[in-house]
PDB file of N, CA and C in Angstrom:
ATOM      1  N   MET A   1     131.654 111.777-184.899  1.00  0.00           N
ATOM      2  CA  MET A   1     131.529 110.949-183.916  1.00  0.00           C
ATOM      3  C   MET A   1     130.924 111.272-182.376  1.00  0.00           C
ATOM      4  N   ALA A   2     131.170 112.611-182.090  1.00  0.00           N
ATOM      5  CA  ALA A   2     130.664 113.156-180.920  1.00  0.00           C
ATOM      6  C   ALA A   2     129.205 113.231-181.000  1.00  0.00           C
ATOM      7  N   ASN A   3     128.880 113.622-182.242  1.00  0.00           N
ATOM      8  CA  ASN A   3     127.276 113.917-182.644  1.00  0.00           C
ATOM      9  C   ASN A   3     126.680 112.829-182.800  1.00  0.00           C
ATOM     10  N   GLN A   4     127.104 111.706-183.186  1.00  0.00           N
ATOM     11  CA  GLN A   4     126.511 110.412-183.154  1.00  0.00           C
ATOM     12  C   GLN A   4     126.358 109.928-181.760  1.00  0.00           C
ATOM     13  N   ARG A   5     127.186 110.141-180.896  1.00  0.00           N
ATOM     14  CA  ARG A   5     127.199 109.625-179.594  1.00  0.00           C
ATOM     15  C   ARG A   5     126.241 110.394-178.790  1.00  0.00           C
ATOM     16  N   GLY A   6     126.082 111.726-179.037  1.00  0.00           N
ATOM     17  CA  GLY A   6     125.069 112.568-178.483  1.00  0.00           C
ATOM     18  C   GLY A   6     123.637 112.101-178.931  1.00  0.00           C
ATOM     19  N   ARG A   7     123.404 112.013-180.101  1.00  0.00           N
ATOM     20  CA  ARG A   7     122.242 111.241-180.633  1.00  0.00           C
ATOM     21  C   ARG A   7     121.726 109.966-180.062  1.00  0.00           C
ATOM     22  N   ARG A   8     122.739 108.990-179.926  1.00  0.00           N
ATOM     23  CA  ARG A   8     122.442 107.928-179.318  1.00  0.00           C
ATOM     24  C   ARG A   8     122.167 107.894-177.827  1.00  0.00           C
ATOM     25  N   VAL A   9     122.806 109.046-177.013  1.00  0.00           N
ATOM     26  CA  VAL A   9     122.501 109.156-175.766  1.00  0.00           C
ATOM     27  C   VAL A   9     120.948 109.759-175.672  1.00  0.00           C
ATOM     28  N   ARG A  10     120.667 110.680-176.608  1.00  0.00           N
ATOM     29  CA  ARG A  10     119.117 111.216-176.529  1.00  0.00           C
ATOM     30  C   ARG A  10     118.275 110.359-176.719  1.00  0.00           C
ATOM     31  N   ALA A  11     118.517 109.288-177.880  1.00  0.00           N
ATOM     32  CA  ALA A  11     117.700 108.253-178.197  1.00  0.00           C
ATOM     33  C   ALA A  11     117.552 107.219-176.614  1.00  0.00           C
ATOM     34  N   GLU A  12     118.500 106.936-176.173  1.00  0.00           N
ATOM     35  CA  GLU A  12     118.533 106.032-174.900  1.00  0.00           C
ATOM     36  C   GLU A  12     117.614 106.787-173.857  1.00  0.00           C
ATOM     37  N   ILE A  13     117.983 108.138-173.524  1.00  0.00           N
ATOM     38  CA  ILE A  13     117.037 108.680-172.586  1.00  0.00           C
ATOM     39  C   ILE A  13     115.316 108.852-172.945  1.00  0.00           C
ATOM     40  N   ALA A  14     115.267 109.100-174.243  1.00  0.00           N
ATOM     41  CA  ALA A  14     113.903 109.161-174.646  1.00  0.00           C
ATOM     42  C   ALA A  14     113.216 107.709-174.378  1.00  0.00           C
ATOM     43  N   LEU A  15     113.924 106.393-174.608  1.00  0.00           N
ATOM     44  CA  LEU A  15     113.380 105.290-174.675  1.00  0.00           C
ATOM     45  C   LEU A  15     113.082 104.995-173.225  1.00  0.00           C
ATOM     46  N   ALA A  16     114.039 105.407-172.288  1.00  0.00           N
ATOM     47  CA  ALA A  16     113.710 105.313-170.661  1.00  0.00           C
ATOM     48  C   ALA A  16     112.660 105.965-170.203  1.00  0.00           C
ATOM     49  N   GLN A  17     112.440 107.336-170.664  1.00  0.00           N
ATOM     50  CA  GLN A  17     111.391 108.177-170.468  1.00  0.00           C
ATOM     51  C   GLN A  17     110.012 107.650-170.716  1.00  0.00           C
ATOM     52  N   ASN A  18     109.890 106.862-172.022  1.00  0.00           N
ATOM     53  CA  ASN A  18     109.088 106.173-172.429  1.00  0.00           C
ATOM     54  C   ASN A  18     108.541 105.163-171.761  1.00  0.00           C
ATOM     55  N   LEU A  19     109.469 104.117-171.494  1.00  0.00           N
ATOM     56  CA  LEU A  19     109.186 102.924-170.727  1.00  0.00           C
ATOM     57  C   LEU A  19     108.972 103.074-169.225  1.00  0.00           C
ATOM     58  N   MET A  20     109.238 104.337-168.728  1.00  0.00           N
ATOM     59  CA  MET A  20     108.978 104.727-167.206  1.00  0.00           C
ATOM     60  C   MET A  20     107.221 104.951-167.293  1.00  0.00           C
ATOM     61  N   LEU A  21     106.762 105.082-168.391  1.00  0.00           N
ATOM     62  CA  LEU A  21     105.311 105.323-168.466  1.00  0.00           C
ATOM     63  C   LEU A  21     104.516 103.901-168.263  1.00  0.00           C
ATOM     64  N   ALA A  22     105.131 102.928-168.451  1.00  0.00           N
ATOM     65  CA  ALA A  22     104.649 101.482-168.536  1.00  0.00           C
ATOM     66  C   ALA A  22     103.656 101.229-167.175  1.00  0.00           C
ATOM     67  N   PRO A  23     104.277 101.504-166.128  1.00  0.00           N
ATOM     68  CA  PRO A  23     103.463 101.302-164.715  1.00  0.00           C
ATOM     69  C   PRO A  23     102.011 102.426-164.728  1.00  0.00           C
ATOM     70  N   TRP A  24     102.200 103.485-165.180  1.00  0.00           N
ATOM     71  CA  TRP A  24     101.138 104.351-165.546  1.00  0.00           C
ATOM     72  C   TRP A  24     100.011 103.849-166.574  1.00  0.00           C
ATOM     73  N   VAL A  25     100.410 103.240-167.592  1.00  0.00           N
ATOM     74  CA  VAL A  25      99.527 102.652-168.598  1.00  0.00           C
ATOM     75  C   VAL A  25      98.871 101.485-167.919  1.00  0.00           C
ATOM     76  N   VAL A  26      99.423 100.593-167.148  1.00  0.00           N
ATOM     77  CA  VAL A  26      98.772  99.379-166.405  1.00  0.00           C
ATOM     78  C   VAL A  26      97.754 100.035-165.582  1.00  0.00           C
ATOM     79  N   GLY A  27      98.132 101.107-164.804  1.00  0.00           N
ATOM     80  CA  GLY A  27      97.182 101.601-163.874  1.00  0.00           C
ATOM     81  C   GLY A  27      95.722 101.997-164.529  1.00  0.00           C
ATOM     82  N   LEU A  28      96.144 102.826-165.785  1.00  0.00           N
ATOM     83  CA  LEU A  28      95.040 103.360-166.442  1.00  0.00           C
ATOM     84  C   LEU A  28      94.264 102.155-167.047  1.00  0.00           C
ATOM     85  N   ARG A  29      94.909 101.283-167.562  1.00  0.00           N
ATOM     86  CA  ARG A  29      94.244 100.068-168.351  1.00  0.00           C
ATOM     87  C   ARG A  29      93.561  99.059-167.442  1.00  0.00           C
ATOM     88  N   THR A  30      94.194  98.719-166.309  1.00  0.00           N
ATOM     89  CA  THR A  30      93.588  97.753-165.543  1.00  0.00           C
ATOM     90  C   THR A  30      92.038  97.980-165.198  1.00  0.00           C
ATOM     91  N   PRO A  31      91.470  99.183-164.961  1.00  0.00           N
ATOM     92  CA  PRO A  31      89.945  99.302-164.573  1.00  0.00           C
ATOM     93  C   PRO A  31      89.251  98.712-165.839  1.00  0.00           C
ATOM     94  N   ILE A  32      89.619  99.281-166.955  1.00  0.00           N
ATOM     95  CA  ILE A  32      89.004  99.083-168.310  1.00  0.00           C
ATOM     96  C   ILE A  32      89.016  97.476-168.584  1.00  0.00           C
ATOM     97  N   LEU A  33      90.107  96.948-168.317  1.00  0.00           N
ATOM     98  CA  LEU A  33      90.357  95.376-168.601  1.00  0.00           C
ATOM     99  C   LEU A  33      89.461  94.545-167.712  1.00  0.00           C
ATOM    100  N   ILE A  34      89.142  95.107-166.303  1.00  0.00           N
ATOM    101  CA  ILE A  34      88.385  94.578-165.372  1.00  0.00           C
ATOM    102  C   ILE A  34      86.881  94.667-165.888  1.00  0.00           C
ATOM    103  N   ALA A  35      86.598  95.695-166.368  1.00  0.00           N
ATOM    104  CA  ALA A  35      85.330  96.074-166.790  1.00  0.00           C
ATOM    105  C   ALA A  35      84.946  95.051-168.052  1.00  0.00           C
ATOM    106  N   GLU A  36      85.865  95.098-168.777  1.00  0.00           N
ATOM    107  CA  GLU A  36      85.680  94.180-170.108  1.00  0.00           C
ATOM    108  C   GLU A  36      85.497  92.757-169.510  1.00  0.00           C
ATOM    109  N   ALA A  37      86.379  92.282-168.710  1.00  0.00           N
ATOM    110  CA  ALA A  37      86.355  90.830-168.210  1.00  0.00           C
ATOM    111  C   ALA A  37      84.994  90.362-167.347  1.00  0.00           C
ATOM    112  N   THR A  38      84.465  91.532-166.531  1.00  0.00           N
ATOM    113  CA  THR A  38      83.222  91.098-165.711  1.00  0.00           C
ATOM    114  C   THR A  38      82.039  91.417-166.694  1.00  0.00           C
ATOM    115  N   GLY A  39      82.314  91.802-167.857  1.00  0.00           N
ATOM    116  CA  GLY A  39      80.894  92.093-168.634  1.00  0.00           C
ATOM    117  C   GLY A  39      80.425  93.238-168.587  1.00  0.00           C
ATOM    118  N   SER A  40      80.886  94.298-167.952  1.00  0.00           N
ATOM    119  CA  SER A  40      80.318  95.620-167.734  1.00  0.00           C
ATOM    120  C   SER A  40      80.193  96.364-169.119  1.00  0.00           C
ATOM    121  N   LEU A  41      81.292  95.975-170.000  1.00  0.00           N
ATOM    122  CA  LEU A  41      81.253  96.436-171.216  1.00  0.00           C
ATOM    123  C   LEU A  41      80.798  95.464-172.405  1.00  0.00           C
ATOM    124  N   PHE A  42      79.961  95.629-173.169  1.00  0.00           N
ATOM    125  CA  PHE A  42      79.563  94.620-174.209  1.00  0.00           C
ATOM    126  C   PHE A  42      79.989  94.871-175.317  1.00  0.00           C
ATOM    127  N   SER A  43      80.973  95.651-175.728  1.00  0.00           N
ATOM    128  CA  SER A  43      81.348  96.052-176.956  1.00  0.00           C
ATOM    129  C   SER A  43      82.402  95.190-177.614  1.00  0.00           C
ATOM    130  N   GLY A  44      82.677  93.820-177.225  1.00  0.00           N
ATOM    131  CA  GLY A  44      83.664  93.107-177.665  1.00  0.00           C
ATOM    132  C   GLY A  44      84.881  93.038-177.270  1.00  0.00           C
ATOM    133  N   ARG A  45      85.077  93.715-176.156  1.00  0.00           N
ATOM    134  CA  ARG A  45      86.425  93.839-175.432  1.00  0.00           C
ATOM    135  C   ARG A  45      87.498  94.457-176.302  1.00  0.00           C
ATOM    136  N   PRO A  46      87.217  95.747-176.603  1.00  0.00           N
ATOM    137  CA  PRO A  46      88.341  96.252-177.698  1.00  0.00           C
ATOM    138  C   PRO A  46      89.559  96.665-176.964  1.00  0.00           C
ATOM    139  N   GLU A  47      89.491  96.877-175.610  1.00  0.00           N
ATOM    140  CA  GLU A  47      90.880  96.991-174.799  1.00  0.00           C
ATOM    141  C   GLU A  47      91.830  96.012-174.899  1.00  0.00           C
ATOM    142  N   THR A  48      91.079  95.031-174.505  1.00  0.00           N
ATOM    143  CA  THR A  48      91.839  93.794-174.196  1.00  0.00           C
ATOM    144  C   THR A  48      92.468  93.488-175.632  1.00  0.00           C
ATOM    145  N   LEU A  49      91.777  93.373-176.725  1.00  0.00           N
ATOM    146  CA  LEU A  49      92.267  93.153-178.140  1.00  0.00           C
ATOM    147  C   LEU A  49      93.339  94.056-178.473  1.00  0.00           C
ATOM    148  N   LYS A  50      93.093  95.255-178.153  1.00  0.00           N
ATOM    149  CA  LYS A  50      94.243  96.374-178.552  1.00  0.00           C
ATOM    150  C   LYS A  50      95.345  96.063-177.961  1.00  0.00           C
ATOM    151  N   ALA A  51      95.368  95.724-176.370  1.00  0.00           N
ATOM    152  CA  ALA A  51      96.231  95.348-175.524  1.00  0.00           C
ATOM    153  C   ALA A  51      97.318  94.296-176.032  1.00  0.00           C
ATOM    154  N   VAL A  52      96.649  93.278-176.490  1.00  0.00           N
ATOM    155  CA  VAL A  52      97.318  91.991-177.036  1.00  0.00           C
ATOM    156  C   VAL A  52      97.992  92.347-178.422  1.00  0.00           C
ATOM    157  N   SER A  53      97.149  93.052-179.346  1.00  0.00           N
ATOM    158  CA  SER A  53      97.612  93.110-180.554  1.00  0.00           C
ATOM    159  C   SER A  53      98.750  94.177-180.566  1.00  0.00           C
ATOM    160  N   GLU A  54      98.918  95.139-179.866  1.00  0.00           N
ATOM    161  CA  GLU A  54      99.855  96.252-179.957  1.00  0.00           C
ATOM    162  C   GLU A  54     101.073  95.543-179.380  1.00  0.00           C
ATOM    163  N   LYS A  55     101.062  94.545-178.269  1.00  0.00           N
ATOM    164  CA  LYS A  55     102.125  93.955-177.927  1.00  0.00           C
ATOM    165  C   LYS A  55     102.967  92.943-178.828  1.00  0.00           C
ATOM    166  N   VAL A  56     102.007  92.240-179.469  1.00  0.00           N
ATOM    167  CA  VAL A  56     102.566  91.323-180.541  1.00  0.00           C
ATOM    168  C   VAL A  56     103.229  92.276-181.682  1.00  0.00           C
ATOM    169  N   SER A  57     102.591  93.395-182.211  1.00  0.00           N
ATOM    170  CA  SER A  57     103.177  94.220-183.105  1.00  0.00           C
ATOM    171  C   SER A  57     104.407  94.947-182.674  1.00  0.00           C
ATOM    172  N   ALA A  58     104.526  95.367-181.633  1.00  0.00           N
ATOM    173  CA  ALA A  58     105.728  95.979-180.899  1.00  0.00           C
ATOM    174  C   ALA A  58     106.786  94.978-180.999  1.00  0.00           C
ATOM    175  N   LEU A  59     106.583  93.695-180.737  1.00  0.00           N
ATOM    176  CA  LEU A  59     107.578  92.482-180.482  1.00  0.00           C
ATOM    177  C   LEU A  59     107.977  92.330-181.937  1.00  0.00           C
ATOM    178  N   ALA A  60     107.396  92.181-182.909  1.00  0.00           N
ATOM    179  CA  ALA A  60     107.630  91.915-184.278  1.00  0.00           C
ATOM    180  C   ALA A  60     108.581  93.301-184.850  1.00  0.00           C
ATOM    181  N   GLN A  61     107.942  94.386-184.399  1.00  0.00           N
ATOM    182  CA  GLN A  61     108.764  95.403-184.982  1.00  0.00           C
ATOM    183  C   GLN A  61     110.070  95.762-184.224  1.00  0.00           C
ATOM    184  N   GLY A  62     110.327  95.145-183.196  1.00  0.00           N
ATOM    185  CA  GLY A  62     111.427  95.085-182.318  1.00  0.00           C
ATOM    186  C   GLY A  62     112.479  94.052-182.852  1.00  0.00           C
ATOM    187  N   ILE A  63     111.985  93.039-183.066  1.00  0.00           N
ATOM    188  CA  ILE A  63     112.825  92.005-183.670  1.00  0.00           C
ATOM    189  C   ILE A  63     113.459  92.535-185.004  1.00  0.00           C
ATOM    190  N   LEU A  64     112.492  92.933-185.867  1.00  0.00           N
ATOM    191  CA  LEU A  64     113.079  93.528-187.170  1.00  0.00           C
ATOM    192  C   LEU A  64     114.029  94.598-186.948  1.00  0.00           C
ATOM    193  N   ALA A  65     113.647  95.572-186.076  1.00  0.00           N
ATOM    194  CA  ALA A  65     114.619  96.611-185.746  1.00  0.00           C
ATOM    195  C   ALA A  65     116.083  96.098-185.472  1.00  0.00           C
ATOM    196  N   ALA A  66     115.882  95.136-184.612  1.00  0.00           N
ATOM    197  CA  ALA A  66     117.409  94.531-183.967  1.00  0.00           C
ATOM    198  C   ALA A  66     117.954  93.840-185.232  1.00  0.00           C
ATOM    199  N   GLN A  67     117.264  93.231-185.990  1.00  0.00           N
ATOM    200  CA  GLN A  67     118.011  92.605-187.084  1.00  0.00           C
ATOM    201  C   GLN A  67     118.393  93.519-188.181  1.00  0.00           C
ATOM    202  N   VAL A  68     117.673  94.536-188.368  1.00  0.00           N
ATOM    203  CA  VAL A  68     118.419  95.528-189.257  1.00  0.00           C
ATOM    204  C   VAL A  68     119.619  96.285-188.735  1.00  0.00           C
ATOM    205  N   ALA A  69     119.512  96.511-187.492  1.00  0.00           N
ATOM    206  CA  ALA A  69     120.684  97.178-186.738  1.00  0.00           C
ATOM    207  C   ALA A  69     121.967  96.316-186.678  1.00  0.00           C
ATOM    208  N   TRP A  70     121.627  95.021-186.526  1.00  0.00           N
ATOM    209  CA  TRP A  70     122.811  94.018-186.528  1.00  0.00           C
ATOM    210  C   TRP A  70     123.393  94.081-187.942  1.00  0.00           C
ATOM    211  N   THR A  71     122.473  94.018-188.702  1.00  0.00           N
ATOM    212  CA  THR A  71     123.037  93.764-190.315  1.00  0.00           C
ATOM    213  C   THR A  71     123.897  95.064-190.705  1.00  0.00           C
ATOM    214  N   ARG A  72     123.166  96.169-190.472  1.00  0.00           N
ATOM    215  CA  ARG A  72     123.979  97.568-190.575  1.00  0.00           C
ATOM    216  C   ARG A  72     125.315  97.441-190.028  1.00  0.00           C
ATOM    217  N   ASP A  73     125.339  97.222-188.690  1.00  0.00           N
ATOM    218  CA  ASP A  73     126.636  97.283-187.850  1.00  0.00           C
ATOM    219  C   ASP A  73     127.586  96.336-188.240  1.00  0.00           C
ATOM    220  N   ALA A  74     127.113  95.134-188.668  1.00  0.00           N
ATOM    221  CA  ALA A  74     127.991  94.242-189.205  1.00  0.00           C
ATOM    222  C   ALA A  74     128.854  94.571-190.359  1.00  0.00           C
ATOM    223  N   PHE A  75     128.186  95.485-191.241  1.00  0.00           N
ATOM    224  CA  PHE A  75     129.071  95.986-192.396  1.00  0.00           C
ATOM    225  C   PHE A  75     129.937  96.903-191.955  1.00  0.00           C
ATOM    226  N   THR A  76     130.021  97.462-190.682  1.00  0.00           N
ATOM    227  CA  THR A  76     130.663  98.525-190.253  1.00  0.00           C
ATOM    228  C   THR A  76     131.783  97.982-189.522  1.00  0.00           C
ATOM    229  N   LEU A  77     131.695  96.701-188.983  1.00  0.00           N
ATOM    230  CA  LEU A  77     132.608  96.281-188.002  1.00  0.00           C
ATOM    231  C   LEU A  77     134.059  96.154-188.321  1.00  0.00           C
ATOM    232  N   PRO A  78     134.550  95.697-189.560  1.00  0.00           N
ATOM    233  CA  PRO A  78     135.990  95.936-189.819  1.00  0.00           C
ATOM    234  C   PRO A  78     136.398  97.374-189.664  1.00  0.00           C
ATOM    235  N   LEU A  79     135.619  98.398-190.157  1.00  0.00           N
ATOM    236  CA  LEU A  79     135.962  99.693-189.764  1.00  0.00           C
ATOM    237  C   LEU A  79     136.286 100.048-188.387  1.00  0.00           C
ATOM    238  N   ALA A  80     135.382  99.624-187.599  1.00  0.00           N
ATOM    239  CA  ALA A  80     135.262  99.856-186.227  1.00  0.00           C
ATOM    240  C   ALA A  80     136.642  99.411-185.538  1.00  0.00           C
ATOM    241  N   LEU A  81     136.817  97.849-186.016  1.00  0.00           N
ATOM    242  CA  LEU A  81     137.930  97.304-185.539  1.00  0.00           C
ATOM    243  C   LEU A  81     139.194  98.001-185.828  1.00  0.00           C
ATOM    244  N   ALA A  82     139.377  98.526-187.159  1.00  0.00           N
ATOM    245  CA  ALA A  82     140.363  99.363-187.400  1.00  0.00           C
ATOM    246  C   ALA A  82     140.693 100.563-186.669  1.00  0.00           C
ATOM    247  N   ASP A  83     139.414 101.262-186.104  1.00  0.00           N
ATOM    248  CA  ASP A  83     139.479 102.439-185.427  1.00  0.00           C
ATOM    249  C   ASP A  83     139.841 102.248-183.940  1.00  0.00           C
ATOM    250  N   ALA A  84     139.958 100.872-183.486  1.00  0.00           N
ATOM    251  CA  ALA A  84     140.260 100.492-182.026  1.00  0.00           C
ATOM    252  C   ALA A  84     139.315 100.941-181.263  1.00  0.00           C
ATOM    253  N   SER A  85     138.092 100.994-181.615  1.00  0.00           N
ATOM    254  CA  SER A  85     137.032 101.300-180.659  1.00  0.00           C
ATOM    255  C   SER A  85     136.216 100.023-179.924  1.00  0.00           C
ATOM    256  N   SER A  86     135.374 100.043-179.465  1.00  0.00           N
ATOM    257  CA  SER A  86     134.575  98.958-178.775  1.00  0.00           C
ATOM    258  C   SER A  86     133.525  98.476-179.661  1.00  0.00           C
ATOM    259  N   PRO A  87     133.655  97.835-180.874  1.00  0.00           N
ATOM    260  CA  PRO A  87     132.465  97.832-181.649  1.00  0.00           C
ATOM    261  C   PRO A  87     131.424  96.729-181.251  1.00  0.00           C
ATOM    262  N   LEU A  88     131.772  95.762-180.717  1.00  0.00           N
ATOM    263  CA  LEU A  88     130.612  94.720-180.175  1.00  0.00           C
ATOM    264  C   LEU A  88     129.812  95.331-179.264  1.00  0.00           C
ATOM    265  N   ALA A  89     130.439  96.237-177.981  1.00  0.00           N
ATOM    266  CA  ALA A  89     129.632  96.721-177.334  1.00  0.00           C
ATOM    267  C   ALA A  89     128.598  97.752-177.806  1.00  0.00           C
ATOM    268  N   ASP A  90     129.157  98.260-178.884  1.00  0.00           N
ATOM    269  CA  ASP A  90     128.387  99.318-179.583  1.00  0.00           C
ATOM    270  C   ASP A  90     127.198  98.739-180.458  1.00  0.00           C
ATOM    271  N   ILE A  91     127.499  97.595-181.187  1.00  0.00           N
ATOM    272  CA  ILE A  91     126.528  96.783-181.852  1.00  0.00           C
ATOM    273  C   ILE A  91     125.365  96.116-180.862  1.00  0.00           C
ATOM    274  N   VAL A  92     125.816  95.843-179.620  1.00  0.00           N
ATOM    275  CA  VAL A  92     124.797  95.314-178.689  1.00  0.00           C
ATOM    276  C   VAL A  92     123.806  96.340-178.355  1.00  0.00           C
ATOM    277  N   ARG A  93     124.627  97.576-177.837  1.00  0.00           N
ATOM    278  CA  ARG A  93     123.884  98.681-177.557  1.00  0.00           C
ATOM    279  C   ARG A  93     122.825  99.265-178.557  1.00  0.00           C
ATOM    280  N   THR A  94     123.425  99.247-179.988  1.00  0.00           N
ATOM    281  CA  THR A  94     122.490  99.613-180.889  1.00  0.00           C
ATOM    282  C   THR A  94     121.235  98.758-181.267  1.00  0.00           C
ATOM    283  N   MET A  95     121.608  97.354-181.192  1.00  0.00           N
ATOM    284  CA  MET A  95     120.356  96.314-181.265  1.00  0.00           C
ATOM    285  C   MET A  95     119.578  96.587-180.187  1.00  0.00           C
ATOM    286  N   ALA A  96     119.950  96.496-179.100  1.00  0.00           N
ATOM    287  CA  ALA A  96     118.916  96.664-177.785  1.00  0.00           C
ATOM    288  C   ALA A  96     118.172  98.091-177.853  1.00  0.00           C
ATOM    289  N   LEU A  97     118.619  99.123-178.213  1.00  0.00           N
ATOM    290  CA  LEU A  97     117.978 100.354-178.378  1.00  0.00           C
ATOM    291  C   LEU A  97     116.999 100.345-179.496  1.00  0.00           C
ATOM    292  N   ALA A  98     117.116  99.671-180.648  1.00  0.00           N
ATOM    293  CA  ALA A  98     116.489  99.389-181.848  1.00  0.00           C
ATOM    294  C   ALA A  98     115.371  98.438-181.605  1.00  0.00           C
ATOM    295  N   ALA A  99     115.483  97.309-180.814  1.00  0.00           N
ATOM    296  CA  ALA A  99     114.668  96.464-180.423  1.00  0.00           C
ATOM    297  C   ALA A  99     113.581  96.892-179.337  1.00  0.00           C
ATOM    298  N   LEU A 100     113.900  97.825-178.570  1.00  0.00           N
ATOM    299  CA  LEU A 100     113.234  98.305-177.541  1.00  0.00           C
ATOM    300  C   LEU A 100     112.406  99.616-177.856  1.00  0.00           C
ATOM    301  N   GLU A 101     112.644 100.309-178.951  1.00  0.00           N
ATOM    302  CA  GLU A 101     112.093 101.619-179.307  1.00  0.00           C
ATOM    303  C   GLU A 101     110.696 101.410-179.605  1.00  0.00           C
ATOM    304  N   PRO A 102     110.332 100.197-180.346  1.00  0.00           N
ATOM    305  CA  PRO A 102     108.908 100.151-180.611  1.00  0.00           C
ATOM    306  C   PRO A 102     107.963  99.979-179.582  1.00  0.00           C
ATOM    307  N   ALA A 103     108.316  99.329-178.597  1.00  0.00           N
ATOM    308  CA  ALA A 103     107.820  99.125-177.264  1.00  0.00           C
ATOM    309  C   ALA A 103     107.565 100.394-176.421  1.00  0.00           C
ATOM    310  N   GLY A 104     108.689 101.307-176.542  1.00  0.00           N
ATOM    311  CA  GLY A 104     108.604 102.519-175.633  1.00  0.00           C
ATOM    312  C   GLY A 104     107.684 103.386-176.499  1.00  0.00           C
ATOM    313  N   ARG A 105     107.612 103.418-177.966  1.00  0.00           N
ATOM    314  CA  ARG A 105     106.802 104.175-178.470  1.00  0.00           C
ATOM    315  C   ARG A 105     105.383 103.927-178.127  1.00  0.00           C
ATOM    316  N   GLN A 106     105.204 102.613-178.034  1.00  0.00           N
ATOM    317  CA  GLN A 106     103.708 102.173-178.033  1.00  0.00           C
ATOM    318  C   GLN A 106     103.271 102.440-176.454  1.00  0.00           C
ATOM    319  N   VAL A 107     104.042 102.373-175.600  1.00  0.00           N
ATOM    320  CA  VAL A 107     103.708 102.653-174.091  1.00  0.00           C
ATOM    321  C   VAL A 107     103.653 104.268-174.074  1.00  0.00           C
ATOM    322  N   ARG A 108     104.197 104.898-174.814  1.00  0.00           N
ATOM    323  CA  ARG A 108     103.885 106.455-174.798  1.00  0.00           C
ATOM    324  C   ARG A 108     102.596 106.882-175.387  1.00  0.00           C
ATOM    325  N   LEU A 109     102.208 106.146-176.555  1.00  0.00           N
ATOM    326  CA  LEU A 109     100.883 106.478-177.210  1.00  0.00           C
ATOM    327  C   LEU A 109      99.902 105.896-176.379  1.00  0.00           C
ATOM    328  N   ASN A 110     100.018 104.836-175.741  1.00  0.00           N
ATOM    329  CA  ASN A 110      99.119 104.340-174.819  1.00  0.00           C
ATOM    330  C   ASN A 110      98.748 105.224-173.598  1.00  0.00           C
ATOM    331  N   HIS A 111      99.958 105.855-172.994  1.00  0.00           N
ATOM    332  CA  HIS A 111      99.716 106.654-172.088  1.00  0.00           C
ATOM    333  C   HIS A 111      98.909 108.004-172.286  1.00  0.00           C
ATOM    334  N   ARG A 112      99.183 108.308-173.493  1.00  0.00           N
ATOM    335  CA  ARG A 112      98.515 109.534-174.195  1.00  0.00           C
ATOM    336  C   ARG A 112      97.093 109.442-174.246  1.00  0.00           C
ATOM    337  N   ARG A 113      96.853 108.092-174.934  1.00  0.00           N
ATOM    338  CA  ARG A 113      95.479 107.903-175.266  1.00  0.00           C
ATOM    339  C   ARG A 113      94.447 107.444-173.919  1.00  0.00           C
ATOM    340  N   LEU A 114      95.132 106.722-173.171  1.00  0.00           N
ATOM    341  CA  LEU A 114      94.377 106.442-171.896  1.00  0.00           C
ATOM    342  C   LEU A 114      94.216 107.497-170.980  1.00  0.00           C
ATOM    343  N   SER A 115      95.234 108.635-170.829  1.00  0.00           N
ATOM    344  CA  SER A 115      95.144 109.630-170.084  1.00  0.00           C
ATOM    345  C   SER A 115      93.992 110.433-170.373  1.00  0.00           C
ATOM    346  N   ARG A 116      93.781 110.598-171.833  1.00  0.00           N
ATOM    347  CA  ARG A 116      92.779 111.381-172.207  1.00  0.00           C
ATOM    348  C   ARG A 116      91.487 110.791-172.030  1.00  0.00           C
ATOM    349  N   ARG A 117      91.190 109.713-172.044  1.00  0.00           N
ATOM    350  CA  ARG A 117      90.040 108.771-171.852  1.00  0.00           C
ATOM    351  C   ARG A 117      89.579 108.999-170.488  1.00  0.00           C
ATOM    352  N   ARG A 118      90.459 108.923-169.578  1.00  0.00           N
ATOM    353  CA  ARG A 118      90.153 108.929-168.189  1.00  0.00           C
ATOM    354  C   ARG A 118      89.736 110.416-167.733  1.00  0.00           C
ATOM    355  N   LYS A 119      90.169 111.452-168.485  1.00  0.00           N
ATOM    356  CA  LYS A 119      89.861 112.951-168.272  1.00  0.00           C
ATOM    357  C   LYS A 119      88.291 113.135-168.662  1.00  0.00           C
ATOM    358  N   ARG A 120      87.853 112.478-169.455  1.00  0.00           N
ATOM    359  CA  ARG A 120      86.342 112.574-170.137  1.00  0.00           C
ATOM    360  C   ARG A 120      85.343 112.169-169.031  1.00  0.00           C
TER     361      ARG A 120
END
């Protein structure tokens, strides 16, 4: 039980760290998007397409992950009720973490990719 709680706390910390990179990603991506919008780049606006498609993908992955977490936790709800713990709060926390994890992962990957691009 304590090991599972520790894993969940580490996952929550990792998610928070990833999502804190979002302003950096916006800052790194903005000049690229402006260049694409003003026609300075004639390559078909790849960053704009990537920005939109990865958000749609992260949303779909998050919805699916939340549904899987809810289904998994719904099966263990009777055991949690018998254990006298706070099962509903745990289910909501698990669903939220599962739903946000794809977005956090994508933000981390974008930060890494855009930071390398800027250094060139």
